[in-house]
PDB file of N, CA and C in Angstrom:
ATOM      1  N   MET A   1     -29.073  -1.992  -0.830  1.00  0.00           N
ATOM      2  CA  MET A   1     -27.825  -2.298  -1.505  1.00  0.00           C
ATOM      3  C   MET A   1     -27.342  -3.666  -1.061  1.00  0.00           C
ATOM      4  N   LYS A   2     -27.047  -4.519  -2.002  1.00  0.00           N
ATOM      5  CA  LYS A   2     -26.527  -5.843  -1.701  1.00  0.00           C
ATOM      6  C   LYS A   2     -25.006  -5.790  -1.694  1.00  0.00           C
ATOM      7  N   ALA A   3     -24.398  -6.315  -0.653  1.00  0.00           N
ATOM      8  CA  ALA A   3     -22.943  -6.346  -0.538  1.00  0.00           C
ATOM      9  C   ALA A   3     -22.488  -7.799  -0.487  1.00  0.00           C
ATOM     10  N   SER A   4     -21.425  -8.114  -1.198  1.00  0.00           N
ATOM     11  CA  SER A   4     -20.930  -9.484  -1.175  1.00  0.00           C
ATOM     12  C   SER A   4     -19.420  -9.505  -0.929  1.00  0.00           C
ATOM     13  N   ILE A   5     -18.977 -10.603  -0.368  1.00  0.00           N
ATOM     14  CA  ILE A   5     -17.544 -10.799  -0.129  1.00  0.00           C
ATOM     15  C   ILE A   5     -16.784 -10.757  -1.455  1.00  0.00           C
ATOM     16  N   SER A   6     -17.316 -11.410  -2.488  1.00  0.00           N
ATOM     17  CA  SER A   6     -16.591 -11.448  -3.762  1.00  0.00           C
ATOM     18  C   SER A   6     -16.414 -10.048  -4.337  1.00  0.00           C
ATOM     19  N   GLN A   7     -17.421  -9.171  -4.196  1.00  0.00           N
ATOM     20  CA  GLN A   7     -17.278  -7.789  -4.649  1.00  0.00           C
ATOM     21  C   GLN A   7     -16.139  -7.106  -3.906  1.00  0.00           C
ATOM     22  N   ALA A   8     -16.119  -7.275  -2.593  1.00  0.00           N
ATOM     23  CA  ALA A   8     -15.104  -6.611  -1.772  1.00  0.00           C
ATOM     24  C   ALA A   8     -13.712  -7.128  -2.064  1.00  0.00           C
ATOM     25  N   LEU A   9     -13.562  -8.431  -2.187  1.00  0.00           N
ATOM     26  CA  LEU A   9     -12.227  -8.993  -2.397  1.00  0.00           C
ATOM     27  C   LEU A   9     -11.636  -8.561  -3.726  1.00  0.00           C
ATOM     28  N   LYS A  10     -12.479  -8.283  -4.701  1.00  0.00           N
ATOM     29  CA  LYS A  10     -11.984  -7.783  -5.986  1.00  0.00           C
ATOM     30  C   LYS A  10     -11.407  -6.377  -5.837  1.00  0.00           C
ATOM     31  N   ARG A  11     -11.829  -5.657  -4.783  1.00  0.00           N
ATOM     32  CA  ARG A  11     -11.367  -4.291  -4.550  1.00  0.00           C
ATOM     33  C   ARG A  11     -10.171  -4.239  -3.599  1.00  0.00           C
ATOM     34  N   LEU A  12      -9.705  -5.389  -3.117  1.00  0.00           N
ATOM     35  CA  LEU A  12      -8.606  -5.411  -2.151  1.00  0.00           C
ATOM     36  C   LEU A  12      -7.322  -5.913  -2.798  1.00  0.00           C
ATOM     37  N   PRO A  13      -6.162  -5.400  -2.409  1.00  0.00           N
ATOM     38  CA  PRO A  13      -6.045  -4.333  -1.428  1.00  0.00           C
ATOM     39  C   PRO A  13      -6.529  -3.005  -2.007  1.00  0.00           C
ATOM     40  N   ALA A  14      -7.049  -2.189  -1.124  1.00  0.00           N
ATOM     41  CA  ALA A  14      -7.520  -0.858  -1.488  1.00  0.00           C
ATOM     42  C   ALA A  14      -6.317   0.082  -1.594  1.00  0.00           C
ATOM     43  N   ALA A  15      -6.590   1.345  -1.797  1.00  0.00           N
ATOM     44  CA  ALA A  15      -5.518   2.340  -1.954  1.00  0.00           C
ATOM     45  C   ALA A  15      -4.578   2.324  -0.749  1.00  0.00           C
ATOM     46  N   PRO A  16      -3.297   2.573  -0.989  1.00  0.00           N
ATOM     47  CA  PRO A  16      -2.340   2.654   0.115  1.00  0.00           C
ATOM     48  C   PRO A  16      -2.694   3.789   1.082  1.00  0.00           C
ATOM     49  N   THR A  17      -2.350   3.580   2.343  1.00  0.00           N
ATOM     50  CA  THR A  17      -2.508   4.598   3.376  1.00  0.00           C
ATOM     51  C   THR A  17      -1.193   4.688   4.147  1.00  0.00           C
ATOM     52  N   ALA A  18      -1.101   5.618   5.072  1.00  0.00           N
ATOM     53  CA  ALA A  18       0.112   5.730   5.893  1.00  0.00           C
ATOM     54  C   ALA A  18       0.340   4.443   6.683  1.00  0.00           C
ATOM     55  N   THR A  19      -0.724   3.844   7.211  1.00  0.00           N
ATOM     56  CA  THR A  19      -0.607   2.601   7.983  1.00  0.00           C
ATOM     57  C   THR A  19      -0.383   1.400   7.075  1.00  0.00           C
ATOM     58  N   TYR A  20      -0.997   1.429   5.888  1.00  0.00           N
ATOM     59  CA  TYR A  20      -0.930   0.302   4.956  1.00  0.00           C
ATOM     60  C   TYR A  20      -0.329   0.747   3.620  1.00  0.00           C
ATOM     61  N   PRO A  21       0.991   0.983   3.548  1.00  0.00           N
ATOM     62  CA  PRO A  21       1.588   1.444   2.293  1.00  0.00           C
ATOM     63  C   PRO A  21       1.460   0.419   1.162  1.00  0.00           C
ATOM     64  N   GLN A  22       1.260  -0.854   1.503  1.00  0.00           N
ATOM     65  CA  GLN A  22       1.091  -1.910   0.503  1.00  0.00           C
ATOM     66  C   GLN A  22      -0.341  -1.979  -0.009  1.00  0.00           C
ATOM     67  N   GLY A  23      -1.229  -1.159   0.535  1.00  0.00           N
ATOM     68  CA  GLY A  23      -2.648  -1.161   0.174  1.00  0.00           C
ATOM     69  C   GLY A  23      -3.472  -1.607   1.358  1.00  0.00           C
ATOM     70  N   ALA A  24      -4.552  -0.898   1.614  1.00  0.00           N
ATOM     71  CA  ALA A  24      -5.400  -1.200   2.774  1.00  0.00           C
ATOM     72  C   ALA A  24      -6.125  -2.530   2.588  1.00  0.00           C
ATOM     73  N   PRO A  25      -6.159  -3.374   3.639  1.00  0.00           N
ATOM     74  CA  PRO A  25      -6.788  -4.694   3.544  1.00  0.00           C
ATOM     75  C   PRO A  25      -8.284  -4.688   3.857  1.00  0.00           C
ATOM     76  N   PHE A  26      -8.938  -3.544   3.702  1.00  0.00           N
ATOM     77  CA  PHE A  26     -10.371  -3.474   4.004  1.00  0.00           C
ATOM     78  C   PHE A  26     -11.078  -2.625   2.956  1.00  0.00           C
ATOM     79  N   ALA A  27     -12.364  -2.900   2.810  1.00  0.00           N
ATOM     80  CA  ALA A  27     -13.206  -2.122   1.899  1.00  0.00           C
ATOM     81  C   ALA A  27     -14.536  -1.876   2.587  1.00  0.00           C
ATOM     82  N   THR A  28     -14.995  -0.635   2.563  1.00  0.00           N
ATOM     83  CA  THR A  28     -16.309  -0.314   3.118  1.00  0.00           C
ATOM     84  C   THR A  28     -17.357  -0.756   2.118  1.00  0.00           C
ATOM     85  N   MET A  29     -18.308  -1.559   2.602  1.00  0.00           N
ATOM     86  CA  MET A  29     -19.355  -2.104   1.744  1.00  0.00           C
ATOM     87  C   MET A  29     -20.648  -1.302   1.822  1.00  0.00           C
ATOM     88  N   MET A  30     -20.930  -0.746   2.997  1.00  0.00           N
ATOM     89  CA  MET A  30     -22.124   0.082   3.154  1.00  0.00           C
ATOM     90  C   MET A  30     -21.989   0.888   4.427  1.00  0.00           C
ATOM     91  N   ALA A  31     -22.736   1.992   4.491  1.00  0.00           N
ATOM     92  CA  ALA A  31     -22.704   2.836   5.678  1.00  0.00           C
ATOM     93  C   ALA A  31     -24.013   3.603   5.762  1.00  0.00           C
ATOM     94  N   GLY A  32     -24.429   3.886   6.984  1.00  0.00           N
ATOM     95  CA  GLY A  32     -25.618   4.687   7.225  1.00  0.00           C
ATOM     96  C   GLY A  32     -25.694   5.038   8.693  1.00  0.00           C
ATOM     97  N   GLY A  33     -25.974   6.293   8.999  1.00  0.00           N
ATOM     98  CA  GLY A  33     -25.997   6.722  10.396  1.00  0.00           C
ATOM     99  C   GLY A  33     -24.641   6.480  11.021  1.00  0.00           C
ATOM    100  N   SER A  34     -24.632   5.881  12.206  1.00  0.00           N
ATOM    101  CA  SER A  34     -23.364   5.610  12.892  1.00  0.00           C
ATOM    102  C   SER A  34     -22.762   4.266  12.488  1.00  0.00           C
ATOM    103  N   MET A  35     -23.458   3.483  11.632  1.00  0.00           N
ATOM    104  CA  MET A  35     -23.017   2.140  11.291  1.00  0.00           C
ATOM    105  C   MET A  35     -22.298   2.109   9.948  1.00  0.00           C
ATOM    106  N   SER A  36     -21.225   1.338   9.900  1.00  0.00           N
ATOM    107  CA  SER A  36     -20.599   1.021   8.618  1.00  0.00           C
ATOM    108  C   SER A  36     -20.220  -0.452   8.634  1.00  0.00           C
ATOM    109  N   VAL A  37     -20.207  -1.045   7.452  1.00  0.00           N
ATOM    110  CA  VAL A  37     -19.864  -2.461   7.296  1.00  0.00           C
ATOM    111  C   VAL A  37     -18.682  -2.540   6.349  1.00  0.00           C
ATOM    112  N   GLU A  38     -17.640  -3.245   6.790  1.00  0.00           N
ATOM    113  CA  GLU A  38     -16.437  -3.428   5.985  1.00  0.00           C
ATOM    114  C   GLU A  38     -16.147  -4.910   5.824  1.00  0.00           C
ATOM    115  N   VAL A  39     -15.389  -5.219   4.803  1.00  0.00           N
ATOM    116  CA  VAL A  39     -14.773  -6.530   4.666  1.00  0.00           C
ATOM    117  C   VAL A  39     -13.293  -6.318   4.950  1.00  0.00           C
ATOM    118  N   TYR A  40     -12.726  -7.167   5.814  1.00  0.00           N
ATOM    119  CA  TYR A  40     -11.334  -7.036   6.230  1.00  0.00           C
ATOM    120  C   TYR A  40     -10.615  -8.338   5.927  1.00  0.00           C
ATOM    121  N   ALA A  41      -9.531  -8.260   5.160  1.00  0.00           N
ATOM    122  CA  ALA A  41      -8.762  -9.436   4.768  1.00  0.00           C
ATOM    123  C   ALA A  41      -7.270  -9.123   4.924  1.00  0.00           C
ATOM    124  N   PRO A  42      -6.764  -9.164   6.163  1.00  0.00           N
ATOM    125  CA  PRO A  42      -5.349  -8.844   6.376  1.00  0.00           C
ATOM    126  C   PRO A  42      -4.450  -9.903   5.741  1.00  0.00           C
ATOM    127  N   LYS A  43      -3.274  -9.484   5.351  1.00  0.00           N
ATOM    128  CA  LYS A  43      -2.278 -10.396   4.786  1.00  0.00           C
ATOM    129  C   LYS A  43      -0.984 -10.246   5.565  1.00  0.00           C
ATOM    130  N   GLY A  44      -0.487 -11.355   6.097  1.00  0.00           N
ATOM    131  CA  GLY A  44       0.798 -11.346   6.800  1.00  0.00           C
ATOM    132  C   GLY A  44       0.710 -10.889   8.238  1.00  0.00           C
ATOM    133  N   ILE A  45       0.389  -9.622   8.446  1.00  0.00           N
ATOM    134  CA  ILE A  45       0.314  -9.071   9.793  1.00  0.00           C
ATOM    135  C   ILE A  45      -0.876  -8.113   9.869  1.00  0.00           C
ATOM    136  N   ASP A  46      -1.531  -8.105  11.017  1.00  0.00           N
ATOM    137  CA  ASP A  46      -2.666  -7.210  11.249  1.00  0.00           C
ATOM    138  C   ASP A  46      -2.143  -5.968  11.955  1.00  0.00           C
ATOM    139  N   LEU A  47      -2.188  -4.840  11.263  1.00  0.00           N
ATOM    140  CA  LEU A  47      -1.635  -3.591  11.787  1.00  0.00           C
ATOM    141  C   LEU A  47      -2.680  -2.665  12.397  1.00  0.00           C
ATOM    142  N   GLN A  48      -3.926  -3.118  12.514  1.00  0.00           N
ATOM    143  CA  GLN A  48      -4.968  -2.193  12.968  1.00  0.00           C
ATOM    144  C   GLN A  48      -4.727  -1.690  14.387  1.00  0.00           C
ATOM    145  N   GLN A  49      -5.266  -0.520  14.627  1.00  0.00           N
ATOM    146  CA  GLN A  49      -5.194   0.143  15.925  1.00  0.00           C
ATOM    147  C   GLN A  49      -6.596   0.197  16.527  1.00  0.00           C
ATOM    148  N   PRO A  50      -6.725   0.505  17.822  1.00  0.00           N
ATOM    149  CA  PRO A  50      -8.061   0.617  18.416  1.00  0.00           C
ATOM    150  C   PRO A  50      -8.920   1.623  17.646  1.00  0.00           C
ATOM    151  N   HIS A  51     -10.205   1.334  17.588  1.00  0.00           N
ATOM    152  CA  HIS A  51     -11.146   2.171  16.852  1.00  0.00           C
ATOM    153  C   HIS A  51     -11.987   3.002  17.809  1.00  0.00           C
ATOM    154  N   LYS A  52     -12.587   4.070  17.304  1.00  0.00           N
ATOM    155  CA  LYS A  52     -13.395   4.977  18.125  1.00  0.00           C
ATOM    156  C   LYS A  52     -14.803   4.453  18.377  1.00  0.00           C
ATOM    157  N   LEU A  53     -15.242   3.460  17.574  1.00  0.00           N
ATOM    158  CA  LEU A  53     -16.593   2.920  17.701  1.00  0.00           C
ATOM    159  C   LEU A  53     -16.537   1.472  18.166  1.00  0.00           C
ATOM    160  N   ASP A  54     -17.631   0.995  18.765  1.00  0.00           N
ATOM    161  CA  ASP A  54     -17.765  -0.430  19.054  1.00  0.00           C
ATOM    162  C   ASP A  54     -17.776  -1.175  17.722  1.00  0.00           C
ATOM    163  N   GLU A  55     -17.361  -2.450  17.754  1.00  0.00           N
ATOM    164  CA  GLU A  55     -17.353  -3.214  16.517  1.00  0.00           C
ATOM    165  C   GLU A  55     -17.647  -4.686  16.748  1.00  0.00           C
ATOM    166  N   LEU A  56     -18.202  -5.285  15.727  1.00  0.00           N
ATOM    167  CA  LEU A  56     -18.464  -6.717  15.690  1.00  0.00           C
ATOM    168  C   LEU A  56     -17.688  -7.304  14.522  1.00  0.00           C
ATOM    169  N   TYR A  57     -17.039  -8.439  14.750  1.00  0.00           N
ATOM    170  CA  TYR A  57     -16.352  -9.173  13.692  1.00  0.00           C
ATOM    171  C   TYR A  57     -17.128 -10.463  13.447  1.00  0.00           C
ATOM    172  N   PHE A  58     -17.538 -10.683  12.217  1.00  0.00           N
ATOM    173  CA  PHE A  58     -18.189 -11.912  11.786  1.00  0.00           C
ATOM    174  C   PHE A  58     -17.198 -12.620  10.864  1.00  0.00           C
ATOM    175  N   ILE A  59     -16.573 -13.695  11.362  1.00  0.00           N
ATOM    176  CA  ILE A  59     -15.547 -14.378  10.588  1.00  0.00           C
ATOM    177  C   ILE A  59     -16.207 -15.115   9.422  1.00  0.00           C
ATOM    178  N   HIS A  60     -15.765 -14.787   8.213  1.00  0.00           N
ATOM    179  CA  HIS A  60     -16.354 -15.356   6.998  1.00  0.00           C
ATOM    180  C   HIS A  60     -15.605 -16.607   6.542  1.00  0.00           C
ATOM    181  N   SER A  61     -14.278 -16.542   6.522  1.00  0.00           N
ATOM    182  CA  SER A  61     -13.494 -17.695   6.066  1.00  0.00           C
ATOM    183  C   SER A  61     -12.124 -17.679   6.731  1.00  0.00           C
ATOM    184  N   GLY A  62     -11.497 -18.851   6.702  1.00  0.00           N
ATOM    185  CA  GLY A  62     -10.169 -18.978   7.272  1.00  0.00           C
ATOM    186  C   GLY A  62     -10.189 -19.217   8.774  1.00  0.00           C
ATOM    187  N   THR A  63      -8.985 -19.246   9.339  1.00  0.00           N
ATOM    188  CA  THR A  63      -8.804 -19.468  10.767  1.00  0.00           C
ATOM    189  C   THR A  63      -7.716 -18.551  11.284  1.00  0.00           C
ATOM    190  N   GLY A  64      -7.662 -18.405  12.588  1.00  0.00           N
ATOM    191  CA  GLY A  64      -6.619 -17.617  13.232  1.00  0.00           C
ATOM    192  C   GLY A  64      -6.963 -17.430  14.691  1.00  0.00           C
ATOM    193  N   GLN A  65      -6.418 -16.394  15.261  1.00  0.00           N
ATOM    194  CA  GLN A  65      -6.719 -16.002  16.635  1.00  0.00           C
ATOM    195  C   GLN A  65      -6.995 -14.509  16.635  1.00  0.00           C
ATOM    196  N   ILE A  66      -7.823 -14.093  17.591  1.00  0.00           N
ATOM    197  CA  ILE A  66      -7.992 -12.668  17.825  1.00  0.00           C
ATOM    198  C   ILE A  66      -7.523 -12.398  19.245  1.00  0.00           C
ATOM    199  N   ASP A  67      -6.701 -11.383  19.382  1.00  0.00           N
ATOM    200  CA  ASP A  67      -6.217 -10.935  20.690  1.00  0.00           C
ATOM    201  C   ASP A  67      -7.011  -9.677  21.026  1.00  0.00           C
ATOM    202  N   ILE A  68      -7.825  -9.777  22.073  1.00  0.00           N
ATOM    203  CA  ILE A  68      -8.628  -8.642  22.529  1.00  0.00           C
ATOM    204  C   ILE A  68      -8.137  -8.254  23.908  1.00  0.00           C
ATOM    205  N   ASN A  69      -7.423  -7.128  23.952  1.00  0.00           N
ATOM    206  CA  ASN A  69      -6.911  -6.614  25.221  1.00  0.00           C
ATOM    207  C   ASN A  69      -6.091  -7.662  25.970  1.00  0.00           C
ATOM    208  N   GLY A  70      -5.266  -8.423  25.226  1.00  0.00           N
ATOM    209  CA  GLY A  70      -4.386  -9.418  25.830  1.00  0.00           C
ATOM    210  C   GLY A  70      -4.989 -10.791  26.012  1.00  0.00           C
ATOM    211  N   GLN A  71      -6.267 -10.949  25.741  1.00  0.00           N
ATOM    212  CA  GLN A  71      -6.915 -12.253  25.853  1.00  0.00           C
ATOM    213  C   GLN A  71      -7.087 -12.825  24.452  1.00  0.00           C
ATOM    214  N   LYS A  72      -6.580 -14.051  24.224  1.00  0.00           N
ATOM    215  CA  LYS A  72      -6.607 -14.660  22.894  1.00  0.00           C
ATOM    216  C   LYS A  72      -7.754 -15.649  22.760  1.00  0.00           C
ATOM    217  N   PHE A  73      -8.389 -15.596  21.577  1.00  0.00           N
ATOM    218  CA  PHE A  73      -9.498 -16.491  21.248  1.00  0.00           C
ATOM    219  C   PHE A  73      -9.244 -17.078  19.868  1.00  0.00           C
ATOM    220  N   ASP A  74      -9.541 -18.368  19.699  1.00  0.00           N
ATOM    221  CA  ASP A  74      -9.501 -18.964  18.371  1.00  0.00           C
ATOM    222  C   ASP A  74     -10.611 -18.346  17.542  1.00  0.00           C
ATOM    223  N   ALA A  75     -10.337 -18.143  16.257  1.00  0.00           N
ATOM    224  CA  ALA A  75     -11.306 -17.529  15.351  1.00  0.00           C
ATOM    225  C   ALA A  75     -11.398 -18.369  14.085  1.00  0.00           C
ATOM    226  N   ALA A  76     -12.624 -18.723  13.696  1.00  0.00           N
ATOM    227  CA  ALA A  76     -12.857 -19.508  12.486  1.00  0.00           C
ATOM    228  C   ALA A  76     -14.190 -19.097  11.882  1.00  0.00           C
ATOM    229  N   ALA A  77     -14.401 -19.487  10.642  1.00  0.00           N
ATOM    230  CA  ALA A  77     -15.637 -19.155   9.936  1.00  0.00           C
ATOM    231  C   ALA A  77     -16.851 -19.464  10.809  1.00  0.00           C
ATOM    232  N   GLY A  78     -17.748 -18.496  10.918  1.00  0.00           N
ATOM    233  CA  GLY A  78     -18.958 -18.635  11.726  1.00  0.00           C
ATOM    234  C   GLY A  78     -18.856 -18.019  13.104  1.00  0.00           C
ATOM    235  N   ASP A  79     -17.649 -17.688  13.556  1.00  0.00           N
ATOM    236  CA  ASP A  79     -17.478 -17.067  14.872  1.00  0.00           C
ATOM    237  C   ASP A  79     -17.773 -15.571  14.810  1.00  0.00           C
ATOM    238  N   VAL A  80     -18.200 -15.019  15.947  1.00  0.00           N
ATOM    239  CA  VAL A  80     -18.497 -13.597  16.070  1.00  0.00           C
ATOM    240  C   VAL A  80     -17.802 -13.071  17.317  1.00  0.00           C
ATOM    241  N   PHE A  81     -17.184 -11.878  17.203  1.00  0.00           N
ATOM    242  CA  PHE A  81     -16.492 -11.261  18.331  1.00  0.00           C
ATOM    243  C   PHE A  81     -16.911  -9.808  18.466  1.00  0.00           C
ATOM    244  N   PHE A  82     -17.075  -9.363  19.710  1.00  0.00           N
ATOM    245  CA  PHE A  82     -17.347  -7.968  20.019  1.00  0.00           C
ATOM    246  C   PHE A  82     -16.063  -7.335  20.530  1.00  0.00           C
ATOM    247  N   VAL A  83     -15.747  -6.134  20.040  1.00  0.00           N
ATOM    248  CA  VAL A  83     -14.617  -5.363  20.543  1.00  0.00           C
ATOM    249  C   VAL A  83     -15.132  -3.967  20.867  1.00  0.00           C
ATOM    250  N   ALA A  84     -15.014  -3.578  22.130  1.00  0.00           N
ATOM    251  CA  ALA A  84     -15.477  -2.258  22.555  1.00  0.00           C
ATOM    252  C   ALA A  84     -14.574  -1.165  21.997  1.00  0.00           C
ATOM    253  N   ALA A  85     -15.136   0.001  21.828  1.00  0.00           N
ATOM    254  CA  ALA A  85     -14.391   1.159  21.329  1.00  0.00           C
ATOM    255  C   ALA A  85     -13.145   1.389  22.184  1.00  0.00           C
ATOM    256  N   GLY A  86     -12.029   1.667  21.522  1.00  0.00           N
ATOM    257  CA  GLY A  86     -10.796   2.004  22.223  1.00  0.00           C
ATOM    258  C   GLY A  86      -9.980   0.839  22.727  1.00  0.00           C
ATOM    259  N   VAL A  87     -10.452  -0.392  22.570  1.00  0.00           N
ATOM    260  CA  VAL A  87      -9.749  -1.566  23.107  1.00  0.00           C
ATOM    261  C   VAL A  87      -8.734  -2.083  22.091  1.00  0.00           C
ATOM    262  N   GLU A  88      -7.511  -2.355  22.559  1.00  0.00           N
ATOM    263  CA  GLU A  88      -6.473  -2.955  21.713  1.00  0.00           C
ATOM    264  C   GLU A  88      -6.942  -4.324  21.247  1.00  0.00           C
ATOM    265  N   HIS A  89      -6.753  -4.597  19.961  1.00  0.00           N
ATOM    266  CA  HIS A  89      -7.110  -5.900  19.408  1.00  0.00           C
ATOM    267  C   HIS A  89      -6.408  -6.090  18.078  1.00  0.00           C
ATOM    268  N   ARG A  90      -6.220  -7.350  17.702  1.00  0.00           N
ATOM    269  CA  ARG A  90      -5.666  -7.672  16.385  1.00  0.00           C
ATOM    270  C   ARG A  90      -5.796  -9.164  16.157  1.00  0.00           C
ATOM    271  N   PHE A  91      -5.761  -9.508  14.889  1.00  0.00           N
ATOM    272  CA  PHE A  91      -5.771 -10.921  14.511  1.00  0.00           C
ATOM    273  C   PHE A  91      -4.338 -11.402  14.388  1.00  0.00           C
ATOM    274  N   GLU A  92      -4.118 -12.659  14.779  1.00  0.00           N
ATOM    275  CA  GLU A  92      -2.788 -13.261  14.746  1.00  0.00           C
ATOM    276  C   GLU A  92      -2.889 -14.660  14.174  1.00  0.00           C
ATOM    277  N   ASN A  93      -1.778 -15.153  13.653  1.00  0.00           N
ATOM    278  CA  ASN A  93      -1.692 -16.540  13.178  1.00  0.00           C
ATOM    279  C   ASN A  93      -2.848 -16.908  12.259  1.00  0.00           C
ATOM    280  N   PHE A  94      -3.248 -15.978  11.402  1.00  0.00           N
ATOM    281  CA  PHE A  94      -4.400 -16.239  10.538  1.00  0.00           C
ATOM    282  C   PHE A  94      -3.952 -16.848   9.208  1.00  0.00           C
ATOM    283  N   SER A  95      -4.865 -17.628   8.638  1.00  0.00           N
ATOM    284  CA  SER A  95      -4.597 -18.302   7.371  1.00  0.00           C
ATOM    285  C   SER A  95      -4.662 -17.307   6.207  1.00  0.00           C
ATOM    286  N   ASP A  96      -4.111 -17.715   5.068  1.00  0.00           N
ATOM    287  CA  ASP A  96      -4.083 -16.848   3.887  1.00  0.00           C
ATOM    288  C   ASP A  96      -5.477 -16.504   3.385  1.00  0.00           C
ATOM    289  N   ASP A  97      -6.463 -17.366   3.677  1.00  0.00           N
ATOM    290  CA  ASP A  97      -7.833 -17.133   3.205  1.00  0.00           C
ATOM    291  C   ASP A  97      -8.707 -16.462   4.270  1.00  0.00           C
ATOM    292  N   PHE A  98      -8.083 -15.858   5.289  1.00  0.00           N
ATOM    293  CA  PHE A  98      -8.839 -15.233   6.374  1.00  0.00           C
ATOM    294  C   PHE A  98      -9.557 -13.979   5.875  1.00  0.00           C
ATOM    295  N   VAL A  99     -10.875 -13.933   6.086  1.00  0.00           N
ATOM    296  CA  VAL A  99     -11.711 -12.788   5.729  1.00  0.00           C
ATOM    297  C   VAL A  99     -12.778 -12.633   6.800  1.00  0.00           C
ATOM    298  N   THR A 100     -13.032 -11.401   7.216  1.00  0.00           N
ATOM    299  CA  THR A 100     -14.074 -11.136   8.204  1.00  0.00           C
ATOM    300  C   THR A 100     -14.883  -9.902   7.803  1.00  0.00           C
ATOM    301  N   TRP A 101     -16.173  -9.960   8.077  1.00  0.00           N
ATOM    302  CA  TRP A 101     -17.025  -8.770   8.006  1.00  0.00           C
ATOM    303  C   TRP A 101     -16.802  -8.005   9.300  1.00  0.00           C
ATOM    304  N   VAL A 102     -16.771  -6.687   9.235  1.00  0.00           N
ATOM    305  CA  VAL A 102     -16.639  -5.833  10.422  1.00  0.00           C
ATOM    306  C   VAL A 102     -17.785  -4.831  10.425  1.00  0.00           C
ATOM    307  N   VAL A 103     -18.500  -4.758  11.540  1.00  0.00           N
ATOM    308  CA  VAL A 103     -19.582  -3.794  11.679  1.00  0.00           C
ATOM    309  C   VAL A 103     -19.178  -2.812  12.763  1.00  0.00           C
ATOM    310  N   PHE A 104     -19.030  -1.543  12.395  1.00  0.00           N
ATOM    311  CA  PHE A 104     -18.754  -0.460  13.338  1.00  0.00           C
ATOM    312  C   PHE A 104     -20.075   0.230  13.614  1.00  0.00           C
ATOM    313  N   TYR A 105     -20.318   0.615  14.889  1.00  0.00           N
ATOM    314  CA  TYR A 105     -21.592   1.245  15.194  1.00  0.00           C
ATOM    315  C   TYR A 105     -21.523   2.054  16.493  1.00  0.00           C
ATOM    316  N   GLY A 106     -22.530   2.897  16.674  1.00  0.00           N
ATOM    317  CA  GLY A 106     -22.708   3.637  17.927  1.00  0.00           C
ATOM    318  C   GLY A 106     -21.922   4.934  17.969  1.00  0.00           C
ATOM    319  N   PRO A 107     -21.975   5.576  19.117  1.00  0.00           N
ATOM    320  CA  PRO A 107     -21.276   6.855  19.289  1.00  0.00           C
ATOM    321  C   PRO A 107     -19.771   6.651  19.489  1.00  0.00           C
ATOM    322  N   GLU A 108     -18.989   7.671  19.168  1.00  0.00           N
ATOM    323  CA  GLU A 108     -17.560   7.607  19.452  1.00  0.00           C
ATOM    324  C   GLU A 108     -17.360   7.357  20.943  1.00  0.00           C
ATOM    325  N   GLY A 109     -16.449   6.464  21.269  1.00  0.00           N
ATOM    326  CA  GLY A 109     -16.207   6.104  22.663  1.00  0.00           C
ATOM    327  C   GLY A 109     -17.016   4.888  23.104  1.00  0.00           C
ATOM    328  N   GLY A 110     -17.942   4.427  22.247  1.00  0.00           N
ATOM    329  CA  GLY A 110     -18.728   3.227  22.558  1.00  0.00           C
ATOM    330  C   GLY A 110     -20.018   3.520  23.285  1.00  0.00           C
ATOM    331  N   GLU A 111     -20.829   2.497  23.360  1.00  0.00           N
ATOM    332  CA  GLU A 111     -22.128   2.622  24.036  1.00  0.00           C
ATOM    333  C   GLU A 111     -22.004   2.348  25.518  1.00  0.00           C
TER     334      GLU A 111
END
C-alpha cells in the first residue's frame, strides 16, 4: 500500500474526538503487527498525551520545537526524533505548514 502526505492531508482534520473536538489532526496511513504509521498535522496547539508505544517522528514540512520530557529541540523538515513509550512530549511554536510522519511500534510500555 502506498501512502502519501497529500492523501492524508485531504483527510484532515479527521473526525472529532474527546481530546480533539475540532477534529483530530492525525490520520492512520497504514498498520501491521505492532506498527502503525500516521500523518500528524497539529494546528494551533499540540494536545497529545504520552503514548503506550515507542514512536518515531519524521518531520515532513514546517518548523517548530519538540519538547521531550522537558528538553526542547528545534524541529524542521528532515529531522527525526525518538520518543519512548509513556514519555511526555509535544510540539510547540510550530508553523502553519507543520506536518510529521509518526511511526508507533513495539510492545506496550516500550522496548
